């Protein structure tokens, strides 16, 4: 079972004892009864004090931790002992449970004893009662006038027996850890000084430097850490502008845009040129005819008569002097 850390509240120090769950009160404890004020005094059972009254009674009716809790007295103490983590041991039943946001208080009574509606502190009784049957014979130890203890018996009429309670706490781990914040912060501060260089390298890899400089860092690291500026992948401060990768990408994009515009301009030029060539009039035929008005016209003389055929240039074979070539035959 885990142990809760020491707590300090308003100057009162509380130490915790975990109560084991394997303990079970033996049957002999139910008859271990005594009276501190003679035959007419209050009958008490399940009291660790009973073993000092009857040395031959060696049976433990209380777990050891519960005995330490109960016997610490009721005086104002700078340090108190409480039981927790806690569960009612064997031979006891749960008479009271109070659950808070971070803790649960539990009150346990011996089996057969009833919870009387209010918790009492260690060293006092009255939380748990048992009412024996009227006419039953009760055996118990009582304190004589001589200051010694002796066994006696009585026939019960109208009385009750008080059983000593066992009370404890269960506290959430998150709440109990706050009590050790001072020691934790002290160890954290000492460990942080030894791990300053590792935290500096860790913050650089994540892209942000801490708000304070470290003694082991270089001058450039100290300057960036004081301003808390984020870093890019090249270690440059984000305040200096775009990274080298972003600048390279921007330059490639601009170059591609310029090439695209030039390609579109060249294509438009070729398209316009092709259109102009299609709209130009065809050249005159090689036989002397002219082309105008969408038709081909034969050559004419000045007076409008048809031109003599012998004056019209005709294509024909040409011969060299040897009979072949480009000379026109006569």
Protein backbone atom coordinates (compact mmCIF):
# COMPACT_ATOMS: atom_id res chain seq x y z
CA UNK A 1 0.00 0.00 0.00
CA UNK A 2 1.36 3.42 -0.95
CA UNK A 3 2.26 6.03 1.67
CA UNK A 4 0.94 9.57 1.51
CA UNK A 5 3.48 12.40 1.83
CA UNK A 6 3.65 14.64 4.88
CA UNK A 7 1.22 17.58 4.73
CA UNK A 8 1.39 21.01 6.35
CA UNK A 9 -1.80 23.00 6.88
CA UNK A 10 -1.92 26.22 8.95
CA UNK A 11 1.29 25.22 10.74
CA UNK A 12 0.01 21.73 11.63
CA UNK A 13 2.14 18.91 10.23
CA UNK A 14 0.32 15.67 9.42
CA UNK A 15 2.11 12.40 8.82
CA UNK A 16 0.26 9.44 7.32
CA UNK A 17 0.24 5.76 8.19
CA UNK A 18 -1.30 3.38 5.65
CA UNK A 19 -3.68 0.88 7.27
CA UNK A 20 -3.15 -2.67 5.97
CA UNK A 21 -6.21 -4.50 4.73
CA UNK A 22 -5.13 -7.96 5.95
CA UNK A 23 -5.83 -7.30 9.65
CA UNK A 24 -8.91 -8.87 11.29
CA UNK A 25 -9.92 -8.50 14.94
CA UNK A 26 -10.12 -11.92 16.65
CA UNK A 27 -13.31 -12.98 18.52
CA UNK A 28 -11.60 -12.57 21.93
CA UNK A 29 -11.67 -8.80 21.43
CA UNK A 30 -15.45 -8.71 21.76
CA UNK A 31 -15.20 -9.81 25.42
CA UNK A 32 -12.13 -7.70 26.31
CA UNK A 33 -14.11 -5.09 28.27
CA UNK A 34 -13.07 -2.87 31.16
CA UNK A 35 -14.36 0.05 33.23
CA UNK A 36 -12.09 2.93 34.21
CA UNK A 37 -14.35 4.27 36.97
CA UNK A 38 -15.30 1.23 39.02
CA UNK A 39 -18.43 -0.83 38.77
CA UNK A 40 -20.56 2.14 37.79
CA UNK A 41 -18.26 3.49 35.13
CA UNK A 42 -18.45 3.35 31.36
CA UNK A 43 -17.77 -0.07 29.85
CA UNK A 44 -15.23 0.06 27.01
CA UNK A 45 -14.28 -2.61 24.48
CA UNK A 46 -11.72 -2.83 21.68
CA UNK A 47 -9.35 -0.50 23.51
CA UNK A 48 -5.57 -0.98 23.03
CA UNK A 49 -5.26 0.03 26.69
CA UNK A 50 -6.78 -3.33 27.67
CA UNK A 51 -3.45 -5.10 27.12
CA UNK A 52 -1.85 -2.96 29.84
CA UNK A 53 -4.68 -3.94 32.21
CA UNK A 54 -4.46 -7.67 31.56
CA UNK A 55 -0.86 -8.58 30.72
CA UNK A 56 -1.90 -12.13 29.89
CA UNK A 57 -4.14 -10.81 27.13
CA UNK A 58 -1.78 -10.68 24.18
CA UNK A 59 -4.38 -10.57 21.42
CA UNK A 60 -4.18 -7.43 19.26
CA UNK A 61 -7.62 -5.93 18.73
CA UNK A 62 -6.14 -2.99 16.82
CA UNK A 63 -3.75 -2.91 13.88
CA UNK A 64 -0.37 -1.52 14.95
CA UNK A 65 -0.87 1.64 12.86
CA UNK A 66 -4.30 2.23 14.45
CA UNK A 67 -2.79 1.81 17.93
CA UNK A 68 -0.21 4.53 17.18
CA UNK A 69 -2.99 6.79 15.88
CA UNK A 70 -5.28 6.24 18.91
CA UNK A 71 -2.60 6.55 21.64
CA UNK A 72 -1.14 9.87 20.44
CA UNK A 73 -3.48 11.72 22.80
CA UNK A 74 -5.80 14.67 22.46
CA UNK A 75 -3.43 17.52 23.38
CA UNK A 76 -2.54 20.19 20.82
CA UNK A 77 0.40 18.75 18.94
CA UNK A 78 2.61 20.37 16.28
CA UNK A 79 2.63 17.04 14.44
CA UNK A 80 -0.24 14.56 14.29
CA UNK A 81 -0.53 11.10 12.80
CA UNK A 82 -3.50 10.14 10.62
CA UNK A 83 -4.42 6.88 8.94
CA UNK A 84 -4.39 6.81 5.16
CA UNK A 85 -4.77 5.30 2.67
CA UNK A 86 -7.52 3.65 4.65
CA UNK A 87 -10.10 0.86 4.67
CA UNK A 88 -12.00 -0.62 7.61
CA UNK A 89 -10.08 -3.68 8.89
CA UNK A 90 -11.63 -7.08 9.45
CA UNK A 91 -13.94 -7.21 12.48
CA UNK A 92 -15.05 -3.60 11.83
CA UNK A 93 -17.85 -2.12 9.75
CA UNK A 94 -18.13 1.27 8.04
CA UNK A 95 -20.29 3.58 10.13
CA UNK A 96 -19.51 6.90 8.45
CA UNK A 97 -18.30 8.10 5.06
CA UNK A 98 -17.83 11.71 3.96
CA UNK A 99 -16.67 12.34 0.40
CA UNK A 100 -15.11 15.64 -0.61
CA UNK A 101 -13.70 16.92 -3.89
CA UNK A 102 -10.28 15.46 -3.18
CA UNK A 103 -10.60 13.36 -0.01
CA UNK A 104 -12.85 10.83 1.71
CA UNK A 105 -13.12 10.40 5.48
CA UNK A 106 -14.21 7.02 6.84
CA UNK A 107 -15.28 6.03 10.36
CA UNK A 108 -15.25 2.35 11.40
CA UNK A 109 -17.00 0.69 14.34
CA UNK A 110 -16.45 -2.82 15.75
CA UNK A 111 -18.91 -5.33 14.31
CA UNK A 112 -22.14 -5.26 16.31
CA UNK A 113 -21.59 -1.65 17.39
CA UNK A 114 -23.68 1.19 15.99
CA UNK A 115 -22.39 4.57 14.76
CA UNK A 116 -23.82 7.30 17.01
CA UNK A 117 -23.94 10.09 14.41
CA UNK A 118 -20.71 11.99 15.05
CA UNK A 119 -17.00 11.29 14.68
CA UNK A 120 -14.72 11.54 17.71
CA UNK A 121 -11.00 12.08 17.65
CA UNK A 122 -8.26 9.70 18.68
CA UNK A 123 -7.92 9.09 22.42
CA UNK A 124 -11.66 9.57 23.08
CA UNK A 125 -14.67 7.25 22.85
CA UNK A 126 -18.40 7.56 22.18
CA UNK A 127 -18.56 7.13 18.40
CA UNK A 128 -19.68 3.48 18.50
CA UNK A 129 -22.11 1.86 20.94
CA UNK A 130 -23.45 -1.63 21.59
CA UNK A 131 -26.50 -2.30 23.77
CA UNK A 132 -26.44 -5.79 25.33
CA UNK A 133 -29.64 -7.55 26.23
CA UNK A 134 -31.11 -6.71 29.58
CA UNK A 135 -30.36 -9.46 32.09
CA UNK A 136 -27.18 -10.59 30.36
CA UNK A 137 -24.18 -11.23 32.56
CA UNK A 138 -21.22 -9.05 31.63
CA UNK A 139 -17.64 -9.92 32.66
CA UNK A 140 -15.15 -7.09 32.68
CA UNK A 141 -12.16 -5.62 34.49
CA UNK A 142 -12.54 -2.70 36.82
CA UNK A 143 -10.22 -0.39 38.73
CA UNK A 144 -10.41 -0.91 42.51
CA UNK A 145 -9.95 1.68 45.22
CA UNK A 146 -6.47 0.35 45.77
CA UNK A 147 -5.58 1.28 42.20
CA UNK A 148 -5.40 -2.26 40.93
CA UNK A 149 -7.38 -4.01 38.24
CA UNK A 150 -9.60 -6.94 39.03
CA UNK A 151 -12.12 -8.99 37.07
CA UNK A 152 -15.75 -8.72 38.05
CA UNK A 153 -19.20 -9.39 36.60
CA UNK A 154 -22.60 -7.78 36.66
CA UNK A 155 -26.10 -8.44 35.41
CA UNK A 156 -26.96 -5.76 32.91
CA UNK A 157 -30.12 -3.75 33.33
CA UNK A 158 -29.93 -0.68 31.15
CA UNK A 159 -26.45 0.12 29.94
CA UNK A 160 -24.33 0.11 26.81
CA UNK A 161 -20.79 -0.77 25.87
CA UNK A 162 -18.60 1.71 24.00
CA UNK A 163 -16.42 0.31 21.24
CA UNK A 164 -13.26 2.18 20.25
CA UNK A 165 -13.48 3.49 16.69
CA UNK A 166 -10.89 3.55 13.92
CA UNK A 167 -11.06 6.57 11.57
CA UNK A 168 -8.99 7.36 8.51
CA UNK A 169 -8.73 9.16 5.19
CA UNK A 170 -8.33 8.47 1.50
CA UNK A 171 -6.81 11.42 -0.36
CA UNK A 172 -6.51 11.87 -4.12
CA UNK A 173 -2.96 11.62 -5.42
CA UNK A 174 -3.12 14.97 -7.28
CA UNK A 175 -4.06 16.79 -4.07
CA UNK A 176 -1.53 15.05 -1.87
CA UNK A 177 1.25 15.85 -4.31
CA UNK A 178 0.63 19.59 -3.82
CA UNK A 179 1.91 19.33 -0.25
CA UNK A 180 5.35 18.43 -1.56
CA UNK A 181 5.46 21.23 -4.09
CA UNK A 182 8.17 23.05 -2.15
CA UNK A 183 10.54 20.08 -2.16
CA UNK A 184 9.62 19.29 -5.76
CA UNK A 185 10.25 22.86 -6.88
CA UNK A 186 13.57 22.84 -5.05
CA UNK A 187 14.69 19.69 -6.82
CA UNK A 188 13.33 21.04 -10.09
CA UNK A 189 15.33 24.25 -9.75
CA UNK A 190 18.53 22.34 -9.09
CA UNK A 191 17.91 20.00 -12.00
CA UNK A 192 17.01 22.86 -14.33
CA UNK A 193 20.42 24.49 -13.81
CA UNK A 194 22.18 21.25 -14.77
CA UNK A 195 20.02 20.72 -17.84
CA UNK A 196 20.14 24.29 -19.23
CA UNK A 197 22.27 23.34 -22.23
CA UNK A 198 19.97 20.44 -23.15
CA UNK A 199 16.88 22.64 -22.91
CA UNK A 200 18.60 25.23 -25.16
CA UNK A 201 19.25 22.64 -27.89
CA UNK A 202 15.74 21.23 -27.49
CA UNK A 203 14.13 24.66 -27.96
CA UNK A 204 16.28 25.34 -31.04
CA UNK A 205 15.12 22.10 -32.71
CA UNK A 206 11.47 22.97 -32.09
CA UNK A 207 11.87 26.36 -33.81
CA UNK A 208 11.48 28.64 -30.75
CA UNK A 209 14.04 29.78 -28.21
CA UNK A 210 13.16 30.32 -24.51
CA UNK A 211 12.47 33.82 -23.29
CA UNK A 212 15.63 33.90 -21.18
CA UNK A 213 19.19 33.27 -22.24
CA UNK A 214 21.33 30.44 -20.89
CA UNK A 215 24.85 30.82 -19.57
CA UNK A 216 26.15 28.02 -21.80
CA UNK A 217 24.73 29.42 -25.03
CA UNK A 218 26.67 31.44 -27.66
CA UNK A 219 26.20 35.17 -28.12
CA UNK A 220 23.89 34.70 -31.10
CA UNK A 221 21.75 32.26 -29.12
CA UNK A 222 21.54 34.68 -26.21
CA UNK A 223 20.37 37.51 -28.45
CA UNK A 224 17.61 35.42 -30.01
CA UNK A 225 16.52 33.96 -26.68
CA UNK A 226 16.11 37.41 -25.14
CA UNK A 227 13.71 38.52 -27.84
CA UNK A 228 11.92 35.18 -28.07
CA UNK A 229 11.74 35.35 -31.89
CA UNK A 230 10.91 32.15 -33.77
CA UNK A 231 13.58 30.68 -36.02
CA UNK A 232 13.31 29.25 -39.50
CA UNK A 233 14.93 25.99 -40.65
CA UNK A 234 18.22 27.78 -41.43
CA UNK A 235 18.50 29.21 -37.92
CA UNK A 236 17.63 32.74 -39.13
CA UNK A 237 15.27 34.94 -37.20
CA UNK A 238 11.81 35.27 -38.70
CA UNK A 239 12.05 39.06 -38.39
CA UNK A 240 14.77 39.13 -41.10
CA UNK A 241 12.28 38.25 -43.88
CA UNK A 242 11.73 35.17 -46.01
CA UNK A 243 13.90 32.12 -45.70
CA UNK A 244 16.38 31.17 -48.42
CA UNK A 245 14.12 28.32 -49.53
CA UNK A 246 11.15 30.65 -49.89
CA UNK A 247 13.26 33.18 -51.82
CA UNK A 248 14.46 30.46 -54.22
CA UNK A 249 10.90 29.27 -54.81
CA UNK A 250 9.75 32.83 -55.44
CA UNK A 251 12.55 33.38 -57.98
CA UNK A 252 11.66 30.18 -59.87
CA UNK A 253 8.02 31.19 -59.93
CA UNK A 254 8.81 34.63 -61.36
CA UNK A 255 11.06 33.12 -64.05
CA UNK A 256 8.35 30.66 -65.09
CA UNK A 257 5.80 33.47 -65.24
CA UNK A 258 8.06 35.54 -67.52
CA UNK A 259 8.65 32.58 -69.83
CA UNK A 260 4.92 31.90 -69.98
CA UNK A 261 4.14 35.49 -70.96
CA UNK A 262 6.88 35.41 -73.64
CA UNK A 263 5.51 32.17 -75.05
CA UNK A 264 2.01 33.60 -75.24
CA UNK A 265 3.31 36.74 -77.00
CA UNK A 266 5.24 34.67 -79.55
CA UNK A 267 2.24 32.47 -80.29
CA UNK A 268 0.06 35.54 -80.76
CA UNK A 269 2.63 36.99 -83.17
CA UNK A 270 2.66 33.80 -85.27
CA UNK A 271 -1.12 33.72 -85.33
CA UNK A 272 -1.38 37.31 -86.53
CA UNK A 273 1.26 36.75 -89.17
CA UNK A 274 -0.55 33.71 -90.54
CA UNK A 275 -3.78 35.67 -90.76
CA UNK A 276 -2.11 38.50 -92.73
CA UNK A 277 -0.57 36.06 -95.20
CA UNK A 278 -3.93 34.43 -95.81
CA UNK A 279 -5.52 37.81 -96.64
CA UNK A 280 -2.83 38.89 -99.13
CA UNK A 281 -3.75 38.66 -102.99
CA UNK A 282 -2.13 35.86 -104.92
CA UNK A 283 0.73 36.65 -107.32
CA UNK A 284 0.06 36.89 -111.10
CA UNK A 285 0.30 33.63 -113.00
CA UNK A 286 3.56 32.97 -114.82
CA UNK A 287 1.82 32.93 -118.28
CA UNK A 288 1.18 36.69 -118.27
CA UNK A 289 -2.39 36.60 -117.01
CA UNK A 290 -3.47 38.83 -114.19
CA UNK A 291 -5.55 38.15 -111.17
CA UNK A 292 -7.94 40.75 -109.85
CA UNK A 293 -11.51 40.90 -108.68
CA UNK A 294 -11.26 37.31 -107.67
CA UNK A 295 -10.75 36.09 -111.26
CA UNK A 296 -7.87 35.37 -113.64
CA UNK A 297 -7.78 37.59 -116.75
CA UNK A 298 -5.92 37.01 -120.03
CA UNK A 299 -3.42 39.67 -121.15
CA UNK A 300 -4.78 42.23 -123.62
CA UNK A 301 -3.42 44.74 -126.04
CA UNK A 302 -3.81 48.45 -125.61
CA UNK A 303 -6.85 48.51 -127.75
CA UNK A 304 -8.50 45.76 -125.75
CA UNK A 305 -7.94 42.92 -128.21
CA UNK A 306 -6.51 39.68 -127.04
CA UNK A 307 -2.78 39.52 -126.98
CA UNK A 308 -1.10 37.45 -129.61
CA UNK A 309 -0.17 34.05 -128.42
CA UNK A 310 3.37 34.31 -129.67
CA UNK A 311 3.86 37.22 -127.30
CA UNK A 312 2.71 35.28 -124.30
CA UNK A 313 5.41 33.73 -122.32
CA UNK A 314 5.14 30.03 -122.46
CA UNK A 315 6.99 27.48 -120.48
CA UNK A 316 8.81 24.88 -122.46
CA UNK A 317 11.86 22.74 -122.47
CA UNK A 318 15.31 24.28 -122.71
CA UNK A 319 18.34 22.74 -124.40
CA UNK A 320 22.06 23.23 -124.41
CA UNK A 321 23.89 23.48 -127.71
CA UNK A 322 24.32 19.79 -127.51
CA UNK A 323 20.53 19.42 -127.57
CA UNK A 324 19.96 19.35 -123.81
CA UNK A 325 19.78 22.04 -121.23
CA UNK A 326 18.07 25.32 -120.73
CA UNK A 327 18.08 26.79 -124.26
CA UNK A 328 14.68 27.41 -125.84
CA UNK A 329 14.27 25.80 -129.33
CA UNK A 330 13.78 28.10 -132.32
